[in-house]
């Protein structure tokens, strides 16, 4: 397992999440909260632009394609990688703060030690652990469910982000996770787990809506 593969999987699963969101769950509060995820995502980019000396030229959130346009970082290669991967850290921090201070620590979670792709059971502990804590009678659960519907937009690097750092990303494919800070791998695994929660919820809602439509047709016959 390496950071390059983890970042690429986060980006791919985030893209799938956004596709399902806009194609099937683009209604009401979910549509509004998409921009919460987009704001966290783009603000994370902007914060790392400032920290790495990359001049911000455009900051757009409330559009179909939110983005932060910026010049090159003053830290070669590493700076661009940090800017592109910033939403992973920023999104996790945002969800932690919401859970800790708005929801009173209602949800508990930890990133299990996943050292290889064979540790799939340990990885599944993240989404299954979150889903097991959902109580539909508690308002805290509904707040987190709504936020989870937009985790893909919040955490997942966009194709543009990956395009900006593809040389560094390729390099990371050859760097084992043991060679970097374990906390970075743990954050990546946690981000993947949260996007997995997002995908499970979206698929469940889509299935319920489709089944409801089928039963509606049958009842009208």
N, C-alpha and C. Protein backbone atom coordinates (compact mmCIF):
# COMPACT_ATOMS: atom_id res chain seq x y z
N UNK A 1 0.85 -1.19 0.00
CA UNK A 1 0.00 0.00 0.00
C UNK A 1 0.89 1.24 0.00
N UNK A 2 0.52 2.26 -0.79
CA UNK A 2 1.30 3.48 -0.82
C UNK A 2 0.37 4.68 -0.98
N UNK A 3 0.91 5.86 -0.69
CA UNK A 3 0.09 7.06 -0.70
C UNK A 3 -0.44 7.39 -2.10
N UNK A 4 0.36 7.09 -3.12
CA UNK A 4 -0.10 7.36 -4.48
C UNK A 4 -1.38 6.62 -4.80
N UNK A 5 -1.42 5.34 -4.47
CA UNK A 5 -2.62 4.53 -4.73
C UNK A 5 -3.79 5.01 -3.88
N UNK A 6 -3.52 5.38 -2.63
CA UNK A 6 -4.59 5.85 -1.74
C UNK A 6 -5.20 7.13 -2.28
N UNK A 7 -4.35 8.09 -2.71
CA UNK A 7 -4.85 9.36 -3.24
C UNK A 7 -5.66 9.12 -4.51
N UNK A 8 -5.18 8.23 -5.36
CA UNK A 8 -5.89 7.95 -6.61
C UNK A 8 -7.25 7.31 -6.33
N UNK A 9 -7.31 6.41 -5.35
CA UNK A 9 -8.58 5.78 -4.99
C UNK A 9 -9.55 6.79 -4.38
N UNK A 10 -9.03 7.70 -3.57
CA UNK A 10 -9.88 8.75 -3.00
C UNK A 10 -10.47 9.60 -4.11
N UNK A 11 -9.63 9.95 -5.09
CA UNK A 11 -10.10 10.77 -6.21
C UNK A 11 -11.16 10.01 -7.02
N UNK A 12 -10.92 8.72 -7.32
CA UNK A 12 -11.86 7.94 -8.12
C UNK A 12 -13.19 7.75 -7.39
N UNK A 13 -13.13 7.41 -6.11
CA UNK A 13 -14.37 7.21 -5.34
C UNK A 13 -15.10 8.53 -5.14
N UNK A 14 -14.34 9.63 -4.99
CA UNK A 14 -14.97 10.94 -4.87
C UNK A 14 -15.68 11.33 -6.16
N UNK A 15 -15.07 11.02 -7.31
CA UNK A 15 -15.69 11.31 -8.59
C UNK A 15 -16.99 10.50 -8.75
N UNK A 16 -16.96 9.22 -8.37
CA UNK A 16 -18.16 8.39 -8.44
C UNK A 16 -19.25 8.94 -7.53
N UNK A 17 -18.84 9.39 -6.34
CA UNK A 17 -19.79 9.97 -5.40
C UNK A 17 -20.46 11.20 -5.98
N UNK A 18 -19.66 12.09 -6.59
CA UNK A 18 -20.23 13.30 -7.18
C UNK A 18 -21.16 12.98 -8.34
N UNK A 19 -20.80 11.97 -9.14
CA UNK A 19 -21.66 11.57 -10.25
C UNK A 19 -23.02 11.09 -9.74
N UNK A 20 -23.02 10.22 -8.73
CA UNK A 20 -24.28 9.73 -8.16
C UNK A 20 -25.07 10.87 -7.53
N UNK A 21 -24.35 11.78 -6.89
CA UNK A 21 -25.01 12.92 -6.24
C UNK A 21 -25.77 13.76 -7.25
N UNK A 22 -25.07 14.20 -8.30
CA UNK A 22 -25.71 15.07 -9.30
C UNK A 22 -26.72 14.33 -10.17
N UNK A 23 -26.50 13.05 -10.40
CA UNK A 23 -27.38 12.30 -11.31
C UNK A 23 -28.66 11.81 -10.62
N UNK A 24 -28.55 11.40 -9.34
CA UNK A 24 -29.68 10.73 -8.71
C UNK A 24 -30.17 11.38 -7.40
N UNK A 25 -29.30 12.12 -6.70
CA UNK A 25 -29.68 12.64 -5.38
C UNK A 25 -29.59 14.16 -5.34
N UNK A 26 -29.78 14.79 -6.49
CA UNK A 26 -29.61 16.23 -6.60
C UNK A 26 -30.91 16.95 -6.24
N UNK A 27 -31.27 16.89 -4.96
CA UNK A 27 -32.54 17.47 -4.52
C UNK A 27 -32.34 18.23 -3.20
N UNK A 28 -33.16 19.26 -3.01
CA UNK A 28 -33.31 19.96 -1.75
C UNK A 28 -32.06 20.21 -0.95
N UNK A 29 -32.08 19.73 0.30
CA UNK A 29 -31.00 19.98 1.24
C UNK A 29 -29.69 19.39 0.76
N UNK A 30 -29.75 18.25 0.06
CA UNK A 30 -28.52 17.62 -0.44
C UNK A 30 -27.83 18.54 -1.44
N UNK A 31 -28.62 19.19 -2.31
CA UNK A 31 -28.05 20.10 -3.29
C UNK A 31 -27.40 21.29 -2.60
N UNK A 32 -28.06 21.83 -1.58
CA UNK A 32 -27.49 22.97 -0.85
C UNK A 32 -26.21 22.57 -0.12
N UNK A 33 -26.24 21.41 0.51
CA UNK A 33 -25.07 20.99 1.28
C UNK A 33 -23.91 20.56 0.40
N UNK A 34 -24.18 20.33 -0.89
CA UNK A 34 -23.07 20.10 -1.82
C UNK A 34 -22.10 21.27 -1.77
N UNK A 35 -22.65 22.48 -1.65
CA UNK A 35 -21.80 23.67 -1.64
C UNK A 35 -21.06 23.82 -0.32
N UNK A 36 -21.57 23.20 0.75
CA UNK A 36 -20.79 23.15 1.99
C UNK A 36 -19.54 22.32 1.76
N UNK A 37 -19.72 21.15 1.13
CA UNK A 37 -18.58 20.31 0.80
C UNK A 37 -17.62 21.02 -0.13
N UNK A 38 -18.19 21.72 -1.15
CA UNK A 38 -17.35 22.44 -2.11
C UNK A 38 -16.58 23.57 -1.42
N UNK A 39 -17.24 24.26 -0.48
CA UNK A 39 -16.57 25.35 0.23
C UNK A 39 -15.39 24.83 1.06
N UNK A 40 -15.61 23.72 1.77
CA UNK A 40 -14.52 23.13 2.56
C UNK A 40 -13.39 22.69 1.63
N UNK A 41 -13.74 22.07 0.51
CA UNK A 41 -12.76 21.60 -0.46
C UNK A 41 -11.91 22.76 -0.99
N UNK A 42 -12.56 23.80 -1.49
CA UNK A 42 -11.83 24.91 -2.11
C UNK A 42 -11.09 25.75 -1.07
N UNK A 43 -11.67 25.89 0.13
CA UNK A 43 -10.98 26.62 1.19
C UNK A 43 -9.71 25.90 1.61
N UNK A 44 -9.75 24.57 1.61
CA UNK A 44 -8.54 23.80 1.93
C UNK A 44 -7.45 24.06 0.90
N UNK A 45 -7.84 24.07 -0.39
CA UNK A 45 -6.88 24.43 -1.44
C UNK A 45 -6.29 25.82 -1.18
N UNK A 46 -7.18 26.77 -0.91
CA UNK A 46 -6.74 28.15 -0.74
C UNK A 46 -5.79 28.30 0.45
N UNK A 47 -6.09 27.60 1.55
CA UNK A 47 -5.22 27.68 2.73
C UNK A 47 -3.81 27.19 2.43
N UNK A 48 -3.71 26.09 1.67
CA UNK A 48 -2.39 25.56 1.33
C UNK A 48 -1.70 26.42 0.29
N UNK A 49 -2.47 27.10 -0.56
CA UNK A 49 -1.87 28.06 -1.48
C UNK A 49 -1.14 29.15 -0.71
N UNK A 50 -1.82 29.66 0.31
CA UNK A 50 -1.22 30.72 1.14
C UNK A 50 0.01 30.21 1.86
N UNK A 51 -0.09 29.00 2.42
CA UNK A 51 1.03 28.45 3.20
C UNK A 51 2.24 28.12 2.35
N UNK A 52 2.02 27.78 1.07
CA UNK A 52 3.13 27.40 0.21
C UNK A 52 3.53 28.50 -0.77
N UNK A 53 2.94 29.68 -0.61
CA UNK A 53 3.35 30.82 -1.43
C UNK A 53 2.82 30.82 -2.84
N UNK A 54 1.68 30.16 -3.09
CA UNK A 54 1.07 30.16 -4.42
C UNK A 54 -0.01 31.25 -4.47
N UNK A 55 0.16 32.22 -5.33
CA UNK A 55 -0.78 33.33 -5.42
C UNK A 55 -2.13 32.86 -5.95
N UNK A 56 -3.22 33.20 -5.24
CA UNK A 56 -4.58 32.82 -5.64
C UNK A 56 -5.10 33.84 -6.64
N UNK A 57 -5.56 33.36 -7.79
CA UNK A 57 -6.09 34.23 -8.83
C UNK A 57 -7.61 34.21 -8.89
N UNK A 58 -8.22 33.10 -8.47
CA UNK A 58 -9.68 32.99 -8.50
C UNK A 58 -10.14 32.00 -7.45
N UNK A 59 -11.21 32.36 -6.73
CA UNK A 59 -11.80 31.48 -5.72
C UNK A 59 -13.29 31.40 -6.00
N UNK A 60 -13.76 30.26 -6.50
CA UNK A 60 -15.16 30.10 -6.90
C UNK A 60 -15.75 28.88 -6.22
N UNK A 61 -16.87 29.07 -5.54
CA UNK A 61 -17.54 27.97 -4.85
C UNK A 61 -18.94 27.73 -5.42
N UNK A 62 -19.75 28.80 -5.52
CA UNK A 62 -21.16 28.64 -5.88
C UNK A 62 -21.34 28.62 -7.39
N UNK A 63 -20.83 27.54 -7.98
CA UNK A 63 -21.00 27.30 -9.41
C UNK A 63 -21.02 25.79 -9.64
N UNK A 64 -21.32 25.37 -10.86
CA UNK A 64 -21.35 23.94 -11.15
C UNK A 64 -19.95 23.32 -11.06
N UNK A 65 -18.93 24.15 -11.26
CA UNK A 65 -17.54 23.68 -11.18
C UNK A 65 -16.74 24.59 -10.27
N UNK A 66 -16.88 24.41 -8.94
CA UNK A 66 -16.09 25.21 -8.00
C UNK A 66 -14.60 24.99 -8.23
N UNK A 67 -13.80 26.04 -8.01
CA UNK A 67 -12.37 25.89 -8.22
C UNK A 67 -11.59 27.01 -7.55
N UNK A 68 -10.32 26.73 -7.33
CA UNK A 68 -9.36 27.74 -6.92
C UNK A 68 -8.28 27.78 -8.00
N UNK A 69 -8.20 28.90 -8.72
CA UNK A 69 -7.14 29.07 -9.72
C UNK A 69 -5.97 29.77 -9.04
N UNK A 70 -4.78 29.22 -9.22
CA UNK A 70 -3.62 29.79 -8.53
C UNK A 70 -2.37 29.63 -9.38
N UNK A 71 -1.36 30.40 -9.01
CA UNK A 71 -0.06 30.28 -9.66
C UNK A 71 0.73 29.15 -9.01
N UNK A 72 1.91 28.89 -9.53
CA UNK A 72 2.75 27.82 -9.01
C UNK A 72 3.18 28.11 -7.58
N UNK A 73 3.27 27.04 -6.79
CA UNK A 73 3.78 27.17 -5.43
C UNK A 73 5.26 27.51 -5.45
N UNK A 74 5.71 28.23 -4.42
CA UNK A 74 7.12 28.55 -4.29
C UNK A 74 7.94 27.35 -3.80
N UNK A 75 7.24 26.28 -3.42
CA UNK A 75 7.92 25.04 -3.02
C UNK A 75 7.77 24.07 -4.17
N UNK A 76 8.81 23.82 -4.95
CA UNK A 76 8.68 22.98 -6.14
C UNK A 76 8.15 21.59 -5.82
N UNK A 77 7.25 21.10 -6.66
CA UNK A 77 6.70 19.75 -6.63
C UNK A 77 5.92 19.46 -5.36
N UNK A 78 6.58 19.56 -4.20
CA UNK A 78 5.92 19.25 -2.93
C UNK A 78 4.79 20.23 -2.66
N UNK A 79 5.02 21.50 -2.97
CA UNK A 79 3.98 22.49 -2.73
C UNK A 79 2.73 22.21 -3.52
N UNK A 80 2.88 21.85 -4.80
CA UNK A 80 1.72 21.53 -5.63
C UNK A 80 0.99 20.30 -5.11
N UNK A 81 1.76 19.31 -4.65
CA UNK A 81 1.15 18.10 -4.10
C UNK A 81 0.33 18.43 -2.85
N UNK A 82 0.89 19.27 -1.98
CA UNK A 82 0.18 19.66 -0.75
C UNK A 82 -1.10 20.41 -1.08
N UNK A 83 -1.05 21.30 -2.06
CA UNK A 83 -2.24 22.07 -2.45
C UNK A 83 -3.33 21.14 -2.98
N UNK A 84 -2.94 20.20 -3.84
CA UNK A 84 -3.91 19.30 -4.46
C UNK A 84 -4.52 18.33 -3.46
N UNK A 85 -3.73 17.88 -2.49
CA UNK A 85 -4.22 16.91 -1.50
C UNK A 85 -4.84 17.57 -0.28
N UNK A 86 -4.81 18.90 -0.22
CA UNK A 86 -5.31 19.63 0.95
C UNK A 86 -6.74 19.28 1.35
N UNK A 87 -7.68 19.07 0.38
CA UNK A 87 -9.06 18.77 0.79
C UNK A 87 -9.20 17.50 1.63
N UNK A 88 -8.28 16.55 1.48
CA UNK A 88 -8.36 15.33 2.29
C UNK A 88 -8.21 15.69 3.77
N UNK A 89 -7.19 16.49 4.06
CA UNK A 89 -6.94 16.90 5.45
C UNK A 89 -8.01 17.90 5.91
N UNK A 90 -8.31 18.89 5.05
CA UNK A 90 -9.29 19.90 5.41
C UNK A 90 -10.68 19.32 5.64
N UNK A 91 -11.08 18.37 4.79
CA UNK A 91 -12.39 17.75 4.95
C UNK A 91 -12.49 16.93 6.22
N UNK A 92 -11.44 16.17 6.50
CA UNK A 92 -11.44 15.38 7.75
C UNK A 92 -11.48 16.29 8.97
N UNK A 93 -10.72 17.40 8.91
CA UNK A 93 -10.73 18.34 10.03
C UNK A 93 -12.11 18.95 10.21
N UNK A 94 -12.76 19.32 9.13
CA UNK A 94 -14.10 19.90 9.21
C UNK A 94 -15.08 18.93 9.84
N UNK A 95 -15.08 17.68 9.37
CA UNK A 95 -16.00 16.68 9.93
C UNK A 95 -15.71 16.41 11.40
N UNK A 96 -14.42 16.39 11.77
CA UNK A 96 -14.06 16.21 13.17
C UNK A 96 -14.60 17.35 14.03
N UNK A 97 -14.44 18.59 13.55
CA UNK A 97 -14.90 19.74 14.34
C UNK A 97 -16.42 19.75 14.46
N UNK A 98 -17.13 19.41 13.38
CA UNK A 98 -18.59 19.35 13.44
C UNK A 98 -19.03 18.29 14.44
N UNK A 99 -18.42 17.12 14.36
CA UNK A 99 -18.79 16.04 15.27
C UNK A 99 -18.45 16.38 16.71
N UNK A 100 -17.28 16.99 16.91
CA UNK A 100 -16.80 17.25 18.27
C UNK A 100 -17.56 18.38 18.95
N UNK A 101 -17.83 19.47 18.20
CA UNK A 101 -18.37 20.67 18.86
C UNK A 101 -19.84 20.93 18.55
N UNK A 102 -20.34 20.49 17.39
CA UNK A 102 -21.76 20.65 17.11
C UNK A 102 -22.57 19.45 17.59
N UNK A 103 -22.03 18.26 17.37
CA UNK A 103 -22.75 17.04 17.73
C UNK A 103 -22.32 16.47 19.08
N UNK A 104 -21.40 17.15 19.76
CA UNK A 104 -20.97 16.70 21.09
C UNK A 104 -20.26 15.37 21.08
N UNK A 105 -19.50 15.09 20.02
CA UNK A 105 -18.76 13.83 19.95
C UNK A 105 -19.66 12.62 19.80
N UNK A 106 -20.80 12.80 19.11
CA UNK A 106 -21.79 11.73 18.97
C UNK A 106 -21.20 10.50 18.28
N UNK A 107 -20.41 10.72 17.23
CA UNK A 107 -19.80 9.61 16.49
C UNK A 107 -18.36 9.40 16.94
N UNK A 108 -17.98 8.14 17.02
CA UNK A 108 -16.60 7.80 17.34
C UNK A 108 -16.03 6.96 16.20
N UNK A 109 -14.76 7.16 15.92
CA UNK A 109 -14.14 6.42 14.82
C UNK A 109 -12.63 6.46 14.99
N UNK A 110 -11.97 5.48 14.41
CA UNK A 110 -10.51 5.48 14.35
C UNK A 110 -10.09 4.80 13.05
N UNK A 111 -8.95 5.21 12.56
CA UNK A 111 -8.43 4.60 11.33
C UNK A 111 -7.64 3.35 11.70
N UNK A 112 -8.11 2.16 11.33
CA UNK A 112 -7.38 0.93 11.66
C UNK A 112 -6.07 0.85 10.90
N UNK A 113 -5.15 0.06 11.41
CA UNK A 113 -3.87 -0.13 10.74
C UNK A 113 -4.07 -1.00 9.51
N UNK A 114 -4.01 -0.39 8.35
CA UNK A 114 -4.17 -1.11 7.09
C UNK A 114 -2.84 -1.02 6.36
N UNK A 115 -2.09 -2.09 6.35
CA UNK A 115 -0.75 -2.07 5.78
C UNK A 115 -0.69 -2.63 4.36
N UNK A 116 -1.72 -3.37 3.95
CA UNK A 116 -1.74 -3.92 2.61
C UNK A 116 -3.18 -4.04 2.14
N UNK A 117 -3.35 -4.28 0.83
CA UNK A 117 -4.69 -4.38 0.27
C UNK A 117 -5.41 -5.63 0.74
N UNK A 118 -4.69 -6.57 1.36
CA UNK A 118 -5.34 -7.76 1.90
C UNK A 118 -6.09 -7.47 3.20
N UNK A 119 -5.83 -6.29 3.80
CA UNK A 119 -6.48 -5.94 5.06
C UNK A 119 -7.86 -5.32 4.81
N UNK A 120 -8.63 -5.88 3.88
CA UNK A 120 -9.91 -5.30 3.52
C UNK A 120 -10.90 -5.32 4.67
N UNK A 121 -10.79 -6.33 5.52
CA UNK A 121 -11.72 -6.42 6.67
C UNK A 121 -11.49 -5.27 7.63
N UNK A 122 -10.22 -4.90 7.83
CA UNK A 122 -9.91 -3.77 8.71
C UNK A 122 -10.42 -2.47 8.10
N UNK A 123 -10.29 -2.33 6.78
CA UNK A 123 -10.78 -1.12 6.13
C UNK A 123 -12.30 -1.00 6.26
N UNK A 124 -13.01 -2.11 6.09
CA UNK A 124 -14.48 -2.08 6.17
C UNK A 124 -14.97 -1.69 7.55
N UNK A 125 -14.10 -1.78 8.55
CA UNK A 125 -14.50 -1.39 9.91
C UNK A 125 -14.87 0.09 9.98
N UNK A 126 -14.32 0.91 9.08
CA UNK A 126 -14.62 2.35 9.12
C UNK A 126 -16.05 2.62 8.69
N UNK A 127 -16.46 2.27 7.46
CA UNK A 127 -17.85 2.57 7.08
C UNK A 127 -18.88 1.81 7.90
N UNK A 128 -18.60 0.54 8.20
CA UNK A 128 -19.56 -0.24 8.99
C UNK A 128 -19.68 0.31 10.41
N UNK A 129 -18.56 0.80 10.95
CA UNK A 129 -18.59 1.38 12.28
C UNK A 129 -19.43 2.64 12.34
N UNK A 130 -19.31 3.50 11.31
CA UNK A 130 -20.12 4.71 11.26
C UNK A 130 -21.59 4.38 11.08
N UNK A 131 -21.89 3.47 10.15
CA UNK A 131 -23.29 3.13 9.89
C UNK A 131 -23.95 2.51 11.11
N UNK A 132 -23.19 1.75 11.89
CA UNK A 132 -23.74 1.11 13.09
C UNK A 132 -24.13 2.13 14.15
N UNK A 133 -23.54 3.33 14.10
CA UNK A 133 -23.82 4.36 15.11
C UNK A 133 -24.99 5.26 14.73
N UNK A 134 -25.52 5.10 13.52
CA UNK A 134 -26.63 5.94 13.08
C UNK A 134 -27.92 5.52 13.78
N UNK A 135 -28.58 6.51 14.39
CA UNK A 135 -29.88 6.30 15.03
C UNK A 135 -30.84 7.31 14.41
N UNK A 136 -31.79 6.83 13.62
CA UNK A 136 -32.67 7.73 12.88
C UNK A 136 -33.58 8.55 13.79
N UNK A 137 -33.61 8.24 15.08
CA UNK A 137 -34.41 9.02 16.02
C UNK A 137 -33.63 10.17 16.62
N UNK A 138 -32.34 10.27 16.31
CA UNK A 138 -31.48 11.32 16.88
C UNK A 138 -31.11 12.33 15.79
N UNK A 139 -31.24 13.63 16.11
CA UNK A 139 -30.96 14.67 15.13
C UNK A 139 -29.49 14.67 14.71
N UNK A 140 -28.60 14.24 15.63
CA UNK A 140 -27.18 14.21 15.28
C UNK A 140 -26.92 13.30 14.09
N UNK A 141 -27.64 12.19 14.06
CA UNK A 141 -27.46 11.26 12.95
C UNK A 141 -27.88 11.89 11.63
N UNK A 142 -28.95 12.65 11.62
CA UNK A 142 -29.42 13.27 10.38
C UNK A 142 -28.47 14.35 9.90
N UNK A 143 -27.88 15.09 10.84
CA UNK A 143 -26.88 16.10 10.43
C UNK A 143 -25.71 15.41 9.74
N UNK A 144 -25.22 14.33 10.33
CA UNK A 144 -24.06 13.65 9.74
C UNK A 144 -24.43 12.95 8.43
N UNK A 145 -25.64 12.41 8.35
CA UNK A 145 -26.06 11.77 7.09
C UNK A 145 -26.06 12.79 5.95
N UNK A 146 -26.60 13.97 6.20
CA UNK A 146 -26.63 15.00 5.17
C UNK A 146 -25.21 15.42 4.77
N UNK A 147 -24.32 15.52 5.76
CA UNK A 147 -22.93 15.86 5.44
C UNK A 147 -22.26 14.73 4.67
N UNK A 148 -22.57 13.49 5.03
CA UNK A 148 -21.97 12.34 4.34
C UNK A 148 -22.36 12.30 2.86
N UNK A 149 -23.54 12.83 2.53
CA UNK A 149 -23.94 12.82 1.13
C UNK A 149 -23.02 13.69 0.27
N UNK A 150 -22.24 14.55 0.90
CA UNK A 150 -21.37 15.45 0.17
C UNK A 150 -19.91 15.26 0.50
N UNK A 151 -19.59 14.14 1.14
CA UNK A 151 -18.20 13.87 1.49
C UNK A 151 -17.33 13.70 0.25
N UNK A 152 -17.91 13.17 -0.83
CA UNK A 152 -17.13 13.01 -2.05
C UNK A 152 -16.64 14.34 -2.59
N UNK A 153 -17.52 15.35 -2.57
CA UNK A 153 -17.14 16.69 -3.03
C UNK A 153 -16.15 17.33 -2.06
N UNK A 154 -16.26 16.97 -0.80
CA UNK A 154 -15.44 17.58 0.23
C UNK A 154 -14.01 17.04 0.23
N UNK A 155 -13.87 15.73 0.15
CA UNK A 155 -12.57 15.08 0.35
C UNK A 155 -11.84 14.73 -0.94
N UNK A 156 -12.57 14.43 -1.99
CA UNK A 156 -11.95 13.87 -3.18
C UNK A 156 -11.24 14.88 -4.04
N UNK A 157 -9.94 14.69 -4.33
CA UNK A 157 -9.25 15.55 -5.29
C UNK A 157 -9.91 15.44 -6.66
N UNK A 158 -10.03 16.55 -7.36
CA UNK A 158 -10.66 16.57 -8.67
C UNK A 158 -9.66 16.13 -9.74
N UNK A 159 -10.16 15.79 -10.95
CA UNK A 159 -9.23 15.49 -12.05
C UNK A 159 -8.23 16.61 -12.29
N UNK A 160 -8.67 17.87 -12.12
CA UNK A 160 -7.76 19.01 -12.28
C UNK A 160 -6.64 18.96 -11.23
N UNK A 161 -7.01 18.58 -9.98
CA UNK A 161 -6.01 18.47 -8.92
C UNK A 161 -4.95 17.42 -9.27
N UNK A 162 -5.41 16.27 -9.77
CA UNK A 162 -4.48 15.20 -10.11
C UNK A 162 -3.60 15.60 -11.30
N UNK A 163 -4.19 16.32 -12.24
CA UNK A 163 -3.42 16.77 -13.40
C UNK A 163 -2.28 17.68 -12.99
N UNK A 164 -2.52 18.49 -11.95
CA UNK A 164 -1.50 19.43 -11.50
C UNK A 164 -0.31 18.74 -10.83
N UNK A 165 -0.51 17.50 -10.33
CA UNK A 165 0.55 16.87 -9.53
C UNK A 165 0.89 15.47 -10.02
N UNK A 166 0.61 15.15 -11.28
CA UNK A 166 0.82 13.78 -11.73
C UNK A 166 2.26 13.31 -11.59
N UNK A 167 3.30 14.16 -11.76
CA UNK A 167 4.66 13.64 -11.54
C UNK A 167 4.88 13.18 -10.10
N UNK A 168 4.42 14.00 -9.14
CA UNK A 168 4.57 13.62 -7.73
C UNK A 168 3.73 12.41 -7.39
N UNK A 169 2.55 12.30 -8.01
CA UNK A 169 1.67 11.17 -7.75
C UNK A 169 2.30 9.86 -8.22
N UNK A 170 2.91 9.90 -9.40
CA UNK A 170 3.60 8.71 -9.91
C UNK A 170 4.74 8.33 -8.97
N UNK A 171 5.47 9.32 -8.49
CA UNK A 171 6.57 9.06 -7.57
C UNK A 171 6.08 8.38 -6.30
N UNK A 172 4.91 8.81 -5.80
CA UNK A 172 4.38 8.25 -4.57
C UNK A 172 3.97 6.79 -4.72
N UNK A 173 3.74 6.33 -5.95
CA UNK A 173 3.41 4.93 -6.17
C UNK A 173 4.58 4.02 -5.83
N UNK A 174 5.78 4.58 -5.80
CA UNK A 174 6.97 3.78 -5.51
C UNK A 174 7.50 4.01 -4.10
N UNK A 175 6.72 4.75 -3.30
CA UNK A 175 7.12 5.03 -1.92
C UNK A 175 6.20 4.27 -0.98
N UNK A 176 6.66 3.20 -0.32
CA UNK A 176 5.82 2.45 0.62
C UNK A 176 5.33 3.35 1.76
N UNK A 177 4.15 3.04 2.26
CA UNK A 177 3.59 3.86 3.33
C UNK A 177 4.47 3.85 4.57
N UNK A 178 5.26 2.79 4.76
CA UNK A 178 6.14 2.72 5.94
C UNK A 178 7.23 3.78 5.88
N UNK A 179 7.49 4.33 4.70
CA UNK A 179 8.55 5.32 4.55
C UNK A 179 8.08 6.74 4.85
N UNK A 180 6.78 6.93 4.97
CA UNK A 180 6.23 8.25 5.25
C UNK A 180 5.55 8.22 6.62
N UNK A 181 5.09 9.38 7.06
CA UNK A 181 4.44 9.46 8.36
C UNK A 181 3.21 8.56 8.38
N UNK A 182 3.11 7.64 9.35
CA UNK A 182 1.93 6.75 9.42
C UNK A 182 0.62 7.52 9.48
N UNK A 183 0.67 8.74 10.05
CA UNK A 183 -0.56 9.53 10.17
C UNK A 183 -1.12 9.90 8.81
N UNK A 184 -0.25 10.09 7.80
CA UNK A 184 -0.73 10.43 6.45
C UNK A 184 -1.50 9.26 5.85
N UNK A 185 -0.96 8.06 6.01
CA UNK A 185 -1.65 6.87 5.52
C UNK A 185 -2.98 6.69 6.25
N UNK A 186 -2.96 6.90 7.57
CA UNK A 186 -4.18 6.75 8.37
C UNK A 186 -5.26 7.73 7.91
N UNK A 187 -4.87 8.97 7.62
CA UNK A 187 -5.84 9.96 7.15
C UNK A 187 -6.41 9.56 5.79
N UNK A 188 -5.53 9.04 4.92
CA UNK A 188 -6.00 8.58 3.62
C UNK A 188 -6.98 7.44 3.73
N UNK A 189 -6.69 6.48 4.59
CA UNK A 189 -7.58 5.34 4.80
C UNK A 189 -8.91 5.80 5.39
N UNK A 190 -8.85 6.76 6.33
CA UNK A 190 -10.07 7.29 6.92
C UNK A 190 -10.92 8.00 5.87
N UNK A 191 -10.28 8.79 5.00
CA UNK A 191 -11.01 9.47 3.94
C UNK A 191 -11.69 8.47 3.02
N UNK A 192 -10.98 7.40 2.65
CA UNK A 192 -11.59 6.35 1.82
C UNK A 192 -12.79 5.73 2.53
N UNK A 193 -12.65 5.48 3.81
CA UNK A 193 -13.74 4.88 4.58
C UNK A 193 -14.97 5.77 4.63
N UNK A 194 -14.76 7.08 4.78
CA UNK A 194 -15.89 8.01 4.84
C UNK A 194 -16.58 8.14 3.48
N UNK A 195 -15.80 8.13 2.41
CA UNK A 195 -16.42 8.15 1.08
C UNK A 195 -17.19 6.86 0.84
N UNK A 196 -16.70 5.75 1.41
CA UNK A 196 -17.44 4.48 1.31
C UNK A 196 -18.80 4.60 2.00
N UNK A 197 -18.85 5.29 3.16
CA UNK A 197 -20.13 5.55 3.83
C UNK A 197 -21.04 6.34 2.88
N UNK A 198 -20.47 7.37 2.26
CA UNK A 198 -21.21 8.19 1.31
C UNK A 198 -21.81 7.35 0.20
N UNK A 199 -21.00 6.47 -0.40
CA UNK A 199 -21.48 5.65 -1.51
C UNK A 199 -22.57 4.68 -1.07
N UNK A 200 -22.41 4.09 0.11
CA UNK A 200 -23.42 3.16 0.64
C UNK A 200 -24.75 3.88 0.83
N UNK A 201 -24.72 5.09 1.42
CA UNK A 201 -25.94 5.85 1.66
C UNK A 201 -26.60 6.24 0.33
N UNK A 202 -25.79 6.68 -0.63
CA UNK A 202 -26.36 7.09 -1.90
C UNK A 202 -27.00 5.91 -2.63
N UNK A 203 -26.32 4.78 -2.66
CA UNK A 203 -26.87 3.60 -3.32
C UNK A 203 -28.16 3.16 -2.63
N UNK A 204 -28.19 3.23 -1.30
CA UNK A 204 -29.39 2.84 -0.55
C UNK A 204 -30.56 3.74 -0.91
N UNK A 205 -30.32 5.06 -0.96
CA UNK A 205 -31.39 6.00 -1.29
C UNK A 205 -31.87 5.79 -2.73
N UNK A 206 -30.93 5.61 -3.65
CA UNK A 206 -31.30 5.38 -5.06
C UNK A 206 -32.14 4.11 -5.19
N UNK A 207 -31.74 3.05 -4.46
CA UNK A 207 -32.48 1.79 -4.52
C UNK A 207 -33.89 1.95 -3.98
N UNK A 208 -34.02 2.68 -2.86
CA UNK A 208 -35.35 2.89 -2.27
C UNK A 208 -36.24 3.68 -3.22
N UNK A 209 -35.68 4.73 -3.82
CA UNK A 209 -36.46 5.55 -4.76
C UNK A 209 -36.89 4.73 -5.98
N UNK A 210 -35.97 3.94 -6.51
CA UNK A 210 -36.30 3.12 -7.68
C UNK A 210 -37.37 2.07 -7.34
N UNK A 211 -37.22 1.42 -6.17
CA UNK A 211 -38.21 0.43 -5.77
C UNK A 211 -39.57 1.07 -5.54
N UNK A 212 -39.55 2.28 -4.95
CA UNK A 212 -40.82 3.01 -4.74
C UNK A 212 -41.50 3.32 -6.07
N UNK A 213 -40.69 3.69 -7.07
CA UNK A 213 -41.27 3.99 -8.39
C UNK A 213 -41.84 2.74 -9.02
N UNK A 214 -41.16 1.60 -8.87
CA UNK A 214 -41.65 0.34 -9.43
C UNK A 214 -42.96 -0.07 -8.77
N UNK A 215 -43.02 0.03 -7.44
CA UNK A 215 -44.25 -0.34 -6.72
C UNK A 215 -45.38 0.61 -7.10
N UNK A 216 -45.04 1.89 -7.30
CA UNK A 216 -46.06 2.86 -7.71
C UNK A 216 -46.67 2.49 -9.04
N UNK A 217 -45.84 2.07 -9.98
CA UNK A 217 -46.33 1.65 -11.30
C UNK A 217 -47.21 0.42 -11.17
N UNK A 218 -46.78 -0.53 -10.35
CA UNK A 218 -47.56 -1.77 -10.18
C UNK A 218 -48.91 -1.51 -9.55
N UNK A 219 -48.96 -0.58 -8.59
CA UNK A 219 -50.22 -0.28 -7.91
C UNK A 219 -51.22 0.44 -8.83
N UNK A 220 -50.68 1.19 -9.81
CA UNK A 220 -51.57 1.92 -10.72
C UNK A 220 -52.16 1.01 -11.80
N UNK A 221 -51.60 -0.19 -11.96
CA UNK A 221 -52.12 -1.11 -12.98
C UNK A 221 -53.41 -1.80 -12.52
